[in-house]
Amino acid sequence: MNDNFSTTLVKAQQIKDYIKKHEHGCTLTEVAKNVKLNKTTTYRLLQTLVTLNDLIKVERCYYVKQQFTANYLPVGWLASRIVQPLVNKYELSAFLGMPFNHQLVITQVFAFKKRLIDFYQLGKAQAFNTSAMGKCALAFMNQAVQSDVLMRTNLQAQTKNSLTDQNSLAYSLQNIKEQGYALDDEEVQLENRCLAVPVFDKKEQLVGTLGVLGTKATLQRRKINKLVHDLQIASNQLTGQIFNN
């Protein structure tokens, strides 16, 4: 065998090929069994593929990124060039996410240097009724899609501040659409705040959301208007420089 031949890359490709055949996703156990690898090796390769944005993890299942939607939210160096300056300026971690299967999935993380733990949010799902990114996506969805999601979504509380009533959530979504951004004020985790704006494609269809995460001390209310302004500029740049090229 050629000395330059990488068995690890071959195994990773086998995993991708297997998952690609299953549009409803695959669990760790299913992949390990069918690719004939032990669970430790399979888990390590799956996590690497998620980090490289080849796969996305939602709850217990892994999906090939292309299986999600035709209107996808692109990731990579161009998005980083647009979003990273916000991270440096406000000293807050930033995230790109896209709606999938009645949840908001984090597709890219731009962690502030003192918050590297936020990289672990990559591939995780957030409920539409609690997180700023989830509520923002829900507010700017096509009305028919939004109604379907609301009908199918179980509005579970994560903190005492979470919205779990359909009427309260509907009122909040209307406000979000009017003001152009969503705020999670200790609705996912106490002492944390998240701010998010929508990201559209060139046809003005929602493809995802751009959000920042901080604590009540680092994401203060007096900073919200300025931060929203900068997030909206970044969102427009994502649309202009990625979707229109």
C-alpha atoms as a PDB file:
ATOM      1  CA  MET A   1       0.000   0.000   0.000  1.00  0.00           C
ATOM      2  CA  ASN A   2       1.205   3.517  -0.769  1.00  0.00           C
ATOM      3  CA  ASP A   3       2.929   5.111   2.245  1.00  0.00           C
ATOM      4  CA  ASN A   4       0.873   8.264   1.661  1.00  0.00           C
ATOM      5  CA  PHE A   5      -2.418   6.351   1.845  1.00  0.00           C
ATOM      6  CA  SER A   6      -4.534   7.460   4.832  1.00  0.00           C
ATOM      7  CA  THR A   7      -6.816   4.809   6.294  1.00  0.00           C
ATOM      8  CA  THR A   8      -8.354   7.456   8.562  1.00  0.00           C
ATOM      9  CA  LEU A   9      -9.539   9.484   5.574  1.00  0.00           C
ATOM     10  CA  VAL A  10     -10.954   6.353   3.980  1.00  0.00           C
ATOM     11  CA  LYS A  11     -12.908   5.548   7.144  1.00  0.00           C
ATOM     12  CA  ALA A  12     -14.216   9.114   7.334  1.00  0.00           C
ATOM     13  CA  GLN A  13     -15.360   8.937   3.708  1.00  0.00           C
ATOM     14  CA  GLN A  14     -17.079   5.603   4.371  1.00  0.00           C
ATOM     15  CA  ILE A  15     -18.981   7.223   7.229  1.00  0.00           C
ATOM     16  CA  LYS A  16     -20.058  10.151   5.042  1.00  0.00           C
ATOM     17  CA  ASP A  17     -21.134   7.809   2.242  1.00  0.00           C
ATOM     18  CA  TYR A  18     -23.218   5.726   4.643  1.00  0.00           C
ATOM     19  CA  ILE A  19     -24.949   8.720   6.254  1.00  0.00           C
ATOM     20  CA  LYS A  20     -25.613  10.283   2.853  1.00  0.00           C
ATOM     21  CA  LYS A  21     -27.801   7.284   1.964  1.00  0.00           C
ATOM     22  CA  HIS A  22     -30.068   7.947   4.954  1.00  0.00           C
ATOM     23  CA  GLU A  23     -31.936  11.237   4.650  1.00  0.00           C
ATOM     24  CA  HIS A  24     -33.424  10.873   8.140  1.00  0.00           C
ATOM     25  CA  GLY A  25     -29.985  10.760   9.731  1.00  0.00           C
ATOM     26  CA  CYS A  26     -27.980   8.076  11.534  1.00  0.00           C
ATOM     27  CA  THR A  27     -27.036   7.516  15.159  1.00  0.00           C
ATOM     28  CA  LEU A  28     -23.547   6.703  16.410  1.00  0.00           C
ATOM     29  CA  THR A  29     -24.550   3.080  16.998  1.00  0.00           C
ATOM     30  CA  GLU A  30     -25.964   2.694  13.483  1.00  0.00           C
ATOM     31  CA  VAL A  31     -22.858   4.142  11.863  1.00  0.00           C
ATOM     32  CA  ALA A  32     -20.448   2.045  13.932  1.00  0.00           C
ATOM     33  CA  LYS A  33     -22.354  -1.165  13.183  1.00  0.00           C
ATOM     34  CA  ASN A  34     -22.662  -0.640   9.438  1.00  0.00           C
ATOM     35  CA  VAL A  35     -19.203   0.804   8.791  1.00  0.00           C
ATOM     36  CA  LYS A  36     -17.719  -1.886  11.061  1.00  0.00           C
ATOM     37  CA  LEU A  37     -15.774   0.374  13.412  1.00  0.00           C
ATOM     38  CA  ASN A  38     -15.738   0.458  17.195  1.00  0.00           C
ATOM     39  CA  LYS A  39     -17.807   3.210  18.809  1.00  0.00           C
ATOM     40  CA  THR A  40     -14.805   5.160  20.106  1.00  0.00           C
ATOM     41  CA  THR A  41     -13.248   5.483  16.656  1.00  0.00           C
ATOM     42  CA  THR A  42     -16.631   6.192  15.077  1.00  0.00           C
ATOM     43  CA  TYR A  43     -17.412   8.929  17.599  1.00  0.00           C
ATOM     44  CA  ARG A  44     -14.021  10.580  17.042  1.00  0.00           C
ATOM     45  CA  LEU A  45     -14.468  10.574  13.267  1.00  0.00           C
ATOM     46  CA  LEU A  46     -18.059  11.829  13.498  1.00  0.00           C
ATOM     47  CA  GLN A  47     -17.055  14.729  15.737  1.00  0.00           C
ATOM     48  CA  THR A  48     -14.210  15.606  13.369  1.00  0.00           C
ATOM     49  CA  LEU A  49     -16.606  15.647  10.415  1.00  0.00           C
ATOM     50  CA  VAL A  50     -19.000  17.886  12.372  1.00  0.00           C
ATOM     51  CA  THR A  51     -16.145  20.279  13.194  1.00  0.00           C
ATOM     52  CA  LEU A  52     -15.183  20.371   9.506  1.00  0.00           C
ATOM     53  CA  ASN A  53     -18.832  21.145   8.623  1.00  0.00           C
ATOM     54  CA  ASP A  54     -19.164  17.961   6.542  1.00  0.00           C
ATOM     55  CA  LEU A  55     -21.832  16.685   8.937  1.00  0.00           C
ATOM     56  CA  ILE A  56     -24.395  18.304  11.205  1.00  0.00           C
ATOM     57  CA  LYS A  57     -25.579  16.727  14.449  1.00  0.00           C
ATOM     58  CA  VAL A  58     -29.174  17.208  15.580  1.00  0.00           C
ATOM     59  CA  GLU A  59     -29.958  15.565  18.907  1.00  0.00           C
ATOM     60  CA  ARG A  60     -28.632  11.971  18.514  1.00  0.00           C
ATOM     61  CA  CYS A  61     -28.533  11.872  14.707  1.00  0.00           C
ATOM     62  CA  TYR A  62     -25.892  12.893  12.184  1.00  0.00           C
ATOM     63  CA  TYR A  63     -26.707  14.292   8.738  1.00  0.00           C
ATOM     64  CA  VAL A  64     -24.650  15.202   5.684  1.00  0.00           C
ATOM     65  CA  LYS A  65     -24.894  18.978   5.392  1.00  0.00           C
ATOM     66  CA  GLN A  66     -26.307  18.890   1.850  1.00  0.00           C
ATOM     67  CA  GLN A  67     -29.308  16.896   3.122  1.00  0.00           C
ATOM     68  CA  PHE A  68     -30.662  19.872   5.015  1.00  0.00           C
ATOM     69  CA  THR A  69     -32.141  22.274   2.500  1.00  0.00           C
ATOM     70  CA  ALA A  70     -31.610  23.954  -0.851  1.00  0.00           C
ATOM     71  CA  ASN A  71     -31.583  27.310   0.960  1.00  0.00           C
ATOM     72  CA  TYR A  72     -28.526  26.644   3.092  1.00  0.00           C
ATOM     73  CA  LEU A  73     -26.524  29.048   5.197  1.00  0.00           C
ATOM     74  CA  PRO A  74     -22.943  28.959   3.867  1.00  0.00           C
ATOM     75  CA  VAL A  75     -19.968  28.640   6.165  1.00  0.00           C
ATOM     76  CA  GLY A  76     -16.257  29.057   5.719  1.00  0.00           C
ATOM     77  CA  TRP A  77     -13.594  31.697   5.494  1.00  0.00           C
ATOM     78  CA  LEU A  78     -15.814  34.339   3.869  1.00  0.00           C
ATOM     79  CA  ALA A  79     -18.375  34.177   6.671  1.00  0.00           C
ATOM     80  CA  SER A  80     -15.529  34.283   9.181  1.00  0.00           C
ATOM     81  CA  ARG A  81     -14.126  37.430   7.575  1.00  0.00           C
ATOM     82  CA  ILE A  82     -17.509  39.114   8.019  1.00  0.00           C
ATOM     83  CA  VAL A  83     -18.404  37.904  11.516  1.00  0.00           C
ATOM     84  CA  GLN A  84     -15.050  37.711  13.319  1.00  0.00           C
ATOM     85  CA  PRO A  85     -14.659  41.523  13.589  1.00  0.00           C
ATOM     86  CA  LEU A  86     -17.897  41.591  15.627  1.00  0.00           C
ATOM     87  CA  VAL A  87     -16.494  38.966  17.979  1.00  0.00           C
ATOM     88  CA  ASN A  88     -13.339  41.018  18.494  1.00  0.00           C
ATOM     89  CA  LYS A  89     -15.186  44.326  18.880  1.00  0.00           C
ATOM     90  CA  TYR A  90     -17.785  43.208  21.423  1.00  0.00           C
ATOM     91  CA  GLU A  91     -15.841  40.324  23.008  1.00  0.00           C
ATOM     92  CA  LEU A  92     -18.818  38.015  22.513  1.00  0.00           C
ATOM     93  CA  SER A  93     -19.052  34.655  20.753  1.00  0.00           C
ATOM     94  CA  ALA A  94     -21.087  34.682  17.535  1.00  0.00           C
ATOM     95  CA  PHE A  95     -23.045  31.923  15.813  1.00  0.00           C
ATOM     96  CA  LEU A  96     -24.671  31.149  12.488  1.00  0.00           C
ATOM     97  CA  GLY A  97     -27.667  28.832  12.531  1.00  0.00           C
ATOM     98  CA  MET A  98     -30.333  27.476  10.217  1.00  0.00           C
ATOM     99  CA  PRO A  99     -33.816  26.035  10.771  1.00  0.00           C
ATOM    100  CA  PHE A 100     -34.154  22.293  10.404  1.00  0.00           C
ATOM    101  CA  ASN A 101     -36.705  19.762  11.647  1.00  0.00           C
ATOM    102  CA  HIS A 102     -38.571  22.241  13.882  1.00  0.00           C
ATOM    103  CA  GLN A 103     -35.385  23.422  15.579  1.00  0.00           C
ATOM    104  CA  LEU A 104     -32.582  25.908  14.990  1.00  0.00           C
ATOM    105  CA  VAL A 105     -29.259  24.156  14.338  1.00  0.00           C
ATOM    106  CA  ILE A 106     -25.923  25.897  14.957  1.00  0.00           C
ATOM    107  CA  THR A 107     -23.870  25.550  11.763  1.00  0.00           C
ATOM    108  CA  GLN A 108     -20.871  27.743  12.560  1.00  0.00           C
ATOM    109  CA  VAL A 109     -19.286  29.108  15.726  1.00  0.00           C
ATOM    110  CA  PHE A 110     -17.008  32.133  16.077  1.00  0.00           C
ATOM    111  CA  ALA A 111     -15.874  31.808  19.682  1.00  0.00           C
ATOM    112  CA  PHE A 112     -14.411  34.736  21.598  1.00  0.00           C
ATOM    113  CA  LYS A 113     -10.889  33.841  22.762  1.00  0.00           C
ATOM    114  CA  LYS A 114     -12.005  33.683  26.405  1.00  0.00           C
ATOM    115  CA  ARG A 115     -15.075  31.585  25.504  1.00  0.00           C
ATOM    116  CA  LEU A 116     -13.567  28.712  23.514  1.00  0.00           C
ATOM    117  CA  ILE A 117     -16.048  26.382  25.199  1.00  0.00           C
ATOM    118  CA  ASP A 118     -18.672  27.867  22.863  1.00  0.00           C
ATOM    119  CA  PHE A 119     -17.218  25.785  20.017  1.00  0.00           C
ATOM    120  CA  TYR A 120     -19.107  22.875  21.564  1.00  0.00           C
ATOM    121  CA  GLN A 121     -22.362  24.502  20.398  1.00  0.00           C
ATOM    122  CA  LEU A 122     -21.527  23.510  16.816  1.00  0.00           C
ATOM    123  CA  GLY A 123     -24.169  21.169  15.433  1.00  0.00           C
ATOM    124  CA  LYS A 124     -26.442  21.499  18.455  1.00  0.00           C
ATOM    125  CA  ALA A 125     -30.141  22.266  18.154  1.00  0.00           C
ATOM    126  CA  GLN A 126     -31.996  25.081  19.887  1.00  0.00           C
ATOM    127  CA  ALA A 127     -35.724  25.290  20.490  1.00  0.00           C
ATOM    128  CA  PHE A 128     -37.651  27.876  18.481  1.00  0.00           C
ATOM    129  CA  ASN A 129     -39.503  29.233  21.505  1.00  0.00           C
ATOM    130  CA  THR A 130     -36.548  30.025  23.781  1.00  0.00           C
ATOM    131  CA  SER A 131     -33.304  31.055  22.064  1.00  0.00           C
ATOM    132  CA  ALA A 132     -32.965  34.396  20.289  1.00  0.00           C
ATOM    133  CA  MET A 133     -31.726  32.651  17.141  1.00  0.00           C
ATOM    134  CA  GLY A 134     -34.655  30.236  17.197  1.00  0.00           C
ATOM    135  CA  LYS A 135     -37.280  32.926  17.770  1.00  0.00           C
ATOM    136  CA  CYS A 136     -35.701  35.115  15.103  1.00  0.00           C
ATOM    137  CA  ALA A 137     -35.839  32.301  12.541  1.00  0.00           C
ATOM    138  CA  LEU A 138     -39.435  31.530  13.447  1.00  0.00           C
ATOM    139  CA  ALA A 139     -40.492  35.181  13.189  1.00  0.00           C
ATOM    140  CA  PHE A 140     -39.097  35.661   9.684  1.00  0.00           C
ATOM    141  CA  MET A 141     -40.197  32.327   8.208  1.00  0.00           C
ATOM    142  CA  ASN A 142     -42.795  32.042   5.498  1.00  0.00           C
ATOM    143  CA  GLN A 143     -46.168  32.354   7.252  1.00  0.00           C
ATOM    144  CA  ALA A 144     -47.343  28.891   6.215  1.00  0.00           C
ATOM    145  CA  VAL A 145     -44.108  27.283   7.413  1.00  0.00           C
ATOM    146  CA  GLN A 146     -44.253  29.225  10.665  1.00  0.00           C
ATOM    147  CA  SER A 147     -47.811  28.040  11.336  1.00  0.00           C
ATOM    148  CA  ASP A 148     -46.816  24.435  10.682  1.00  0.00           C
ATOM    149  CA  VAL A 149     -43.810  24.693  13.010  1.00  0.00           C
ATOM    150  CA  LEU A 150     -45.893  26.278  15.773  1.00  0.00           C
ATOM    151  CA  MET A 151     -48.487  23.536  15.457  1.00  0.00           C
ATOM    152  CA  ARG A 152     -45.885  20.767  15.710  1.00  0.00           C
ATOM    153  CA  THR A 153     -43.522  22.292  18.271  1.00  0.00           C
ATOM    154  CA  ASN A 154     -43.762  21.374  21.941  1.00  0.00           C
ATOM    155  CA  LEU A 155     -43.141  24.638  23.799  1.00  0.00           C
ATOM    156  CA  GLN A 156     -41.016  23.396  26.672  1.00  0.00           C
ATOM    157  CA  ALA A 157     -39.549  25.698  29.314  1.00  0.00           C
ATOM    158  CA  GLN A 158     -35.802  25.876  29.891  1.00  0.00           C
ATOM    159  CA  THR A 159     -35.960  28.576  32.564  1.00  0.00           C
ATOM    160  CA  LYS A 160     -38.729  30.445  34.363  1.00  0.00           C
ATOM    161  CA  ASN A 161     -38.492  33.105  31.620  1.00  0.00           C
ATOM    162  CA  SER A 162     -39.117  30.760  28.669  1.00  0.00           C
ATOM    163  CA  LEU A 163     -42.167  31.375  26.472  1.00  0.00           C
ATOM    164  CA  THR A 164     -44.408  28.307  26.678  1.00  0.00           C
ATOM    165  CA  ASP A 165     -47.774  29.817  25.741  1.00  0.00           C
ATOM    166  CA  GLN A 166     -48.760  29.950  22.051  1.00  0.00           C
ATOM    167  CA  ASN A 167     -50.385  33.380  22.351  1.00  0.00           C
ATOM    168  CA  SER A 168     -47.418  34.912  24.176  1.00  0.00           C
ATOM    169  CA  LEU A 169     -45.021  33.440  21.636  1.00  0.00           C
ATOM    170  CA  ALA A 170     -47.109  34.704  18.699  1.00  0.00           C
ATOM    171  CA  TYR A 171     -47.111  38.217  20.205  1.00  0.00           C
ATOM    172  CA  SER A 172     -43.344  38.031  20.717  1.00  0.00           C
ATOM    173  CA  LEU A 173     -42.779  36.889  17.121  1.00  0.00           C
ATOM    174  CA  GLN A 174     -44.755  39.856  15.809  1.00  0.00           C
ATOM    175  CA  ASN A 175     -42.601  42.238  17.857  1.00  0.00           C
ATOM    176  CA  ILE A 176     -39.435  40.539  16.619  1.00  0.00           C
ATOM    177  CA  LYS A 177     -40.477  40.971  13.003  1.00  0.00           C
ATOM    178  CA  GLU A 178     -41.333  44.631  13.538  1.00  0.00           C
ATOM    179  CA  GLN A 179     -38.092  45.507  15.344  1.00  0.00           C
ATOM    180  CA  GLY A 180     -35.856  43.318  13.162  1.00  0.00           C
ATOM    181  CA  TYR A 181     -34.125  41.312  15.877  1.00  0.00           C
ATOM    182  CA  ALA A 182     -34.770  38.838  18.703  1.00  0.00           C
ATOM    183  CA  LEU A 183     -33.544  38.867  22.292  1.00  0.00           C
ATOM    184  CA  ASP A 184     -33.239  35.898  24.626  1.00  0.00           C
ATOM    185  CA  ASP A 185     -33.087  37.393  28.114  1.00  0.00           C
ATOM    186  CA  GLU A 186     -32.319  34.425  30.401  1.00  0.00           C
ATOM    187  CA  GLU A 187     -34.811  32.228  28.523  1.00  0.00           C
ATOM    188  CA  VAL A 188     -32.347  29.420  27.741  1.00  0.00           C
ATOM    189  CA  GLN A 189     -30.003  29.809  30.698  1.00  0.00           C
ATOM    190  CA  LEU A 190     -30.174  32.130  33.683  1.00  0.00           C
ATOM    191  CA  GLU A 191     -27.657  35.008  33.622  1.00  0.00           C
ATOM    192  CA  ASN A 192     -27.186  34.633  29.831  1.00  0.00           C
ATOM    193  CA  ARG A 193     -28.411  36.850  27.008  1.00  0.00           C
ATOM    194  CA  CYS A 194     -28.467  36.205  23.280  1.00  0.00           C
ATOM    195  CA  LEU A 195     -29.231  38.621  20.448  1.00  0.00           C
ATOM    196  CA  ALA A 196     -30.009  37.552  16.866  1.00  0.00           C
ATOM    197  CA  VAL A 197     -30.911  38.959  13.443  1.00  0.00           C
ATOM    198  CA  PRO A 198     -32.179  37.131  10.338  1.00  0.00           C
ATOM    199  CA  VAL A 199     -30.034  36.230   7.324  1.00  0.00           C
ATOM    200  CA  PHE A 200     -31.707  36.199   3.902  1.00  0.00           C
ATOM    201  CA  ASP A 201     -30.743  34.922   0.469  1.00  0.00           C
ATOM    202  CA  LYS A 202     -30.835  37.107  -2.649  1.00  0.00           C
ATOM    203  CA  LYS A 203     -34.568  36.369  -3.033  1.00  0.00           C
ATOM    204  CA  GLU A 204     -35.166  37.709   0.494  1.00  0.00           C
ATOM    205  CA  GLN A 205     -36.029  34.247   1.785  1.00  0.00           C
ATOM    206  CA  LEU A 206     -34.870  33.350   5.288  1.00  0.00           C
ATOM    207  CA  VAL A 207     -31.893  30.991   5.304  1.00  0.00           C
ATOM    208  CA  GLY A 208     -30.755  31.362   8.896  1.00  0.00           C
ATOM    209  CA  THR A 209     -29.880  33.653  11.750  1.00  0.00           C
ATOM    210  CA  LEU A 210     -26.779  35.390  13.067  1.00  0.00           C
ATOM    211  CA  GLY A 211     -26.520  35.703  16.827  1.00  0.00           C
ATOM    212  CA  VAL A 212     -24.206  36.643  19.681  1.00  0.00           C
ATOM    213  CA  LEU A 213     -24.111  35.189  23.181  1.00  0.00           C
ATOM    214  CA  GLY A 214     -23.044  36.807  26.420  1.00  0.00           C
ATOM    215  CA  THR A 215     -23.921  37.223  30.056  1.00  0.00           C
ATOM    216  CA  LYS A 216     -26.004  40.025  31.527  1.00  0.00           C
ATOM    217  CA  ALA A 217     -22.702  41.706  32.393  1.00  0.00           C
ATOM    218  CA  THR A 218     -21.085  41.398  28.936  1.00  0.00           C
ATOM    219  CA  LEU A 219     -24.215  41.884  26.803  1.00  0.00           C
ATOM    220  CA  GLN A 220     -25.720  44.875  28.536  1.00  0.00           C
ATOM    221  CA  ARG A 221     -29.045  46.372  27.496  1.00  0.00           C
ATOM    222  CA  ARG A 222     -27.457  49.743  26.754  1.00  0.00           C
ATOM    223  CA  LYS A 223     -25.354  48.053  24.040  1.00  0.00           C
ATOM    224  CA  ILE A 224     -28.248  46.340  22.271  1.00  0.00           C
ATOM    225  CA  ASN A 225     -29.129  49.038  19.713  1.00  0.00           C
ATOM    226  CA  LYS A 226     -25.523  49.432  18.549  1.00  0.00           C
ATOM    227  CA  LEU A 227     -24.989  45.679  18.484  1.00  0.00           C
ATOM    228  CA  VAL A 228     -28.180  45.112  16.476  1.00  0.00           C
ATOM    229  CA  HIS A 229     -27.002  47.716  13.969  1.00  0.00           C
ATOM    230  CA  ASP A 230     -23.661  45.943  13.503  1.00  0.00           C
ATOM    231  CA  LEU A 231     -25.285  42.505  13.311  1.00  0.00           C
ATOM    232  CA  GLN A 232     -27.635  43.720  10.585  1.00  0.00           C
ATOM    233  CA  ILE A 233     -24.710  45.106   8.602  1.00  0.00           C
ATOM    234  CA  ALA A 234     -22.953  41.745   8.891  1.00  0.00           C
ATOM    235  CA  SER A 235     -26.136  39.934   7.841  1.00  0.00           C
ATOM    236  CA  ASN A 236     -26.440  42.124   4.746  1.00  0.00           C
ATOM    237  CA  GLN A 237     -22.792  41.451   3.928  1.00  0.00           C
ATOM    238  CA  LEU A 238     -23.392  37.707   4.159  1.00  0.00           C
ATOM    239  CA  THR A 239     -26.249  38.057   1.691  1.00  0.00           C
ATOM    240  CA  GLY A 240     -24.369  40.353  -0.662  1.00  0.00           C
ATOM    241  CA  GLN A 241     -20.962  38.703  -0.697  1.00  0.00           C
ATOM    242  CA  ILE A 242     -22.009  35.059  -0.550  1.00  0.00           C
ATOM    243  CA  PHE A 243     -25.432  34.614  -2.131  1.00  0.00           C
ATOM    244  CA  ASN A 244     -25.027  37.238  -4.848  1.00  0.00           C
ATOM    245  CA  ASN A 245     -21.631  36.032  -6.048  1.00  0.00           C
END
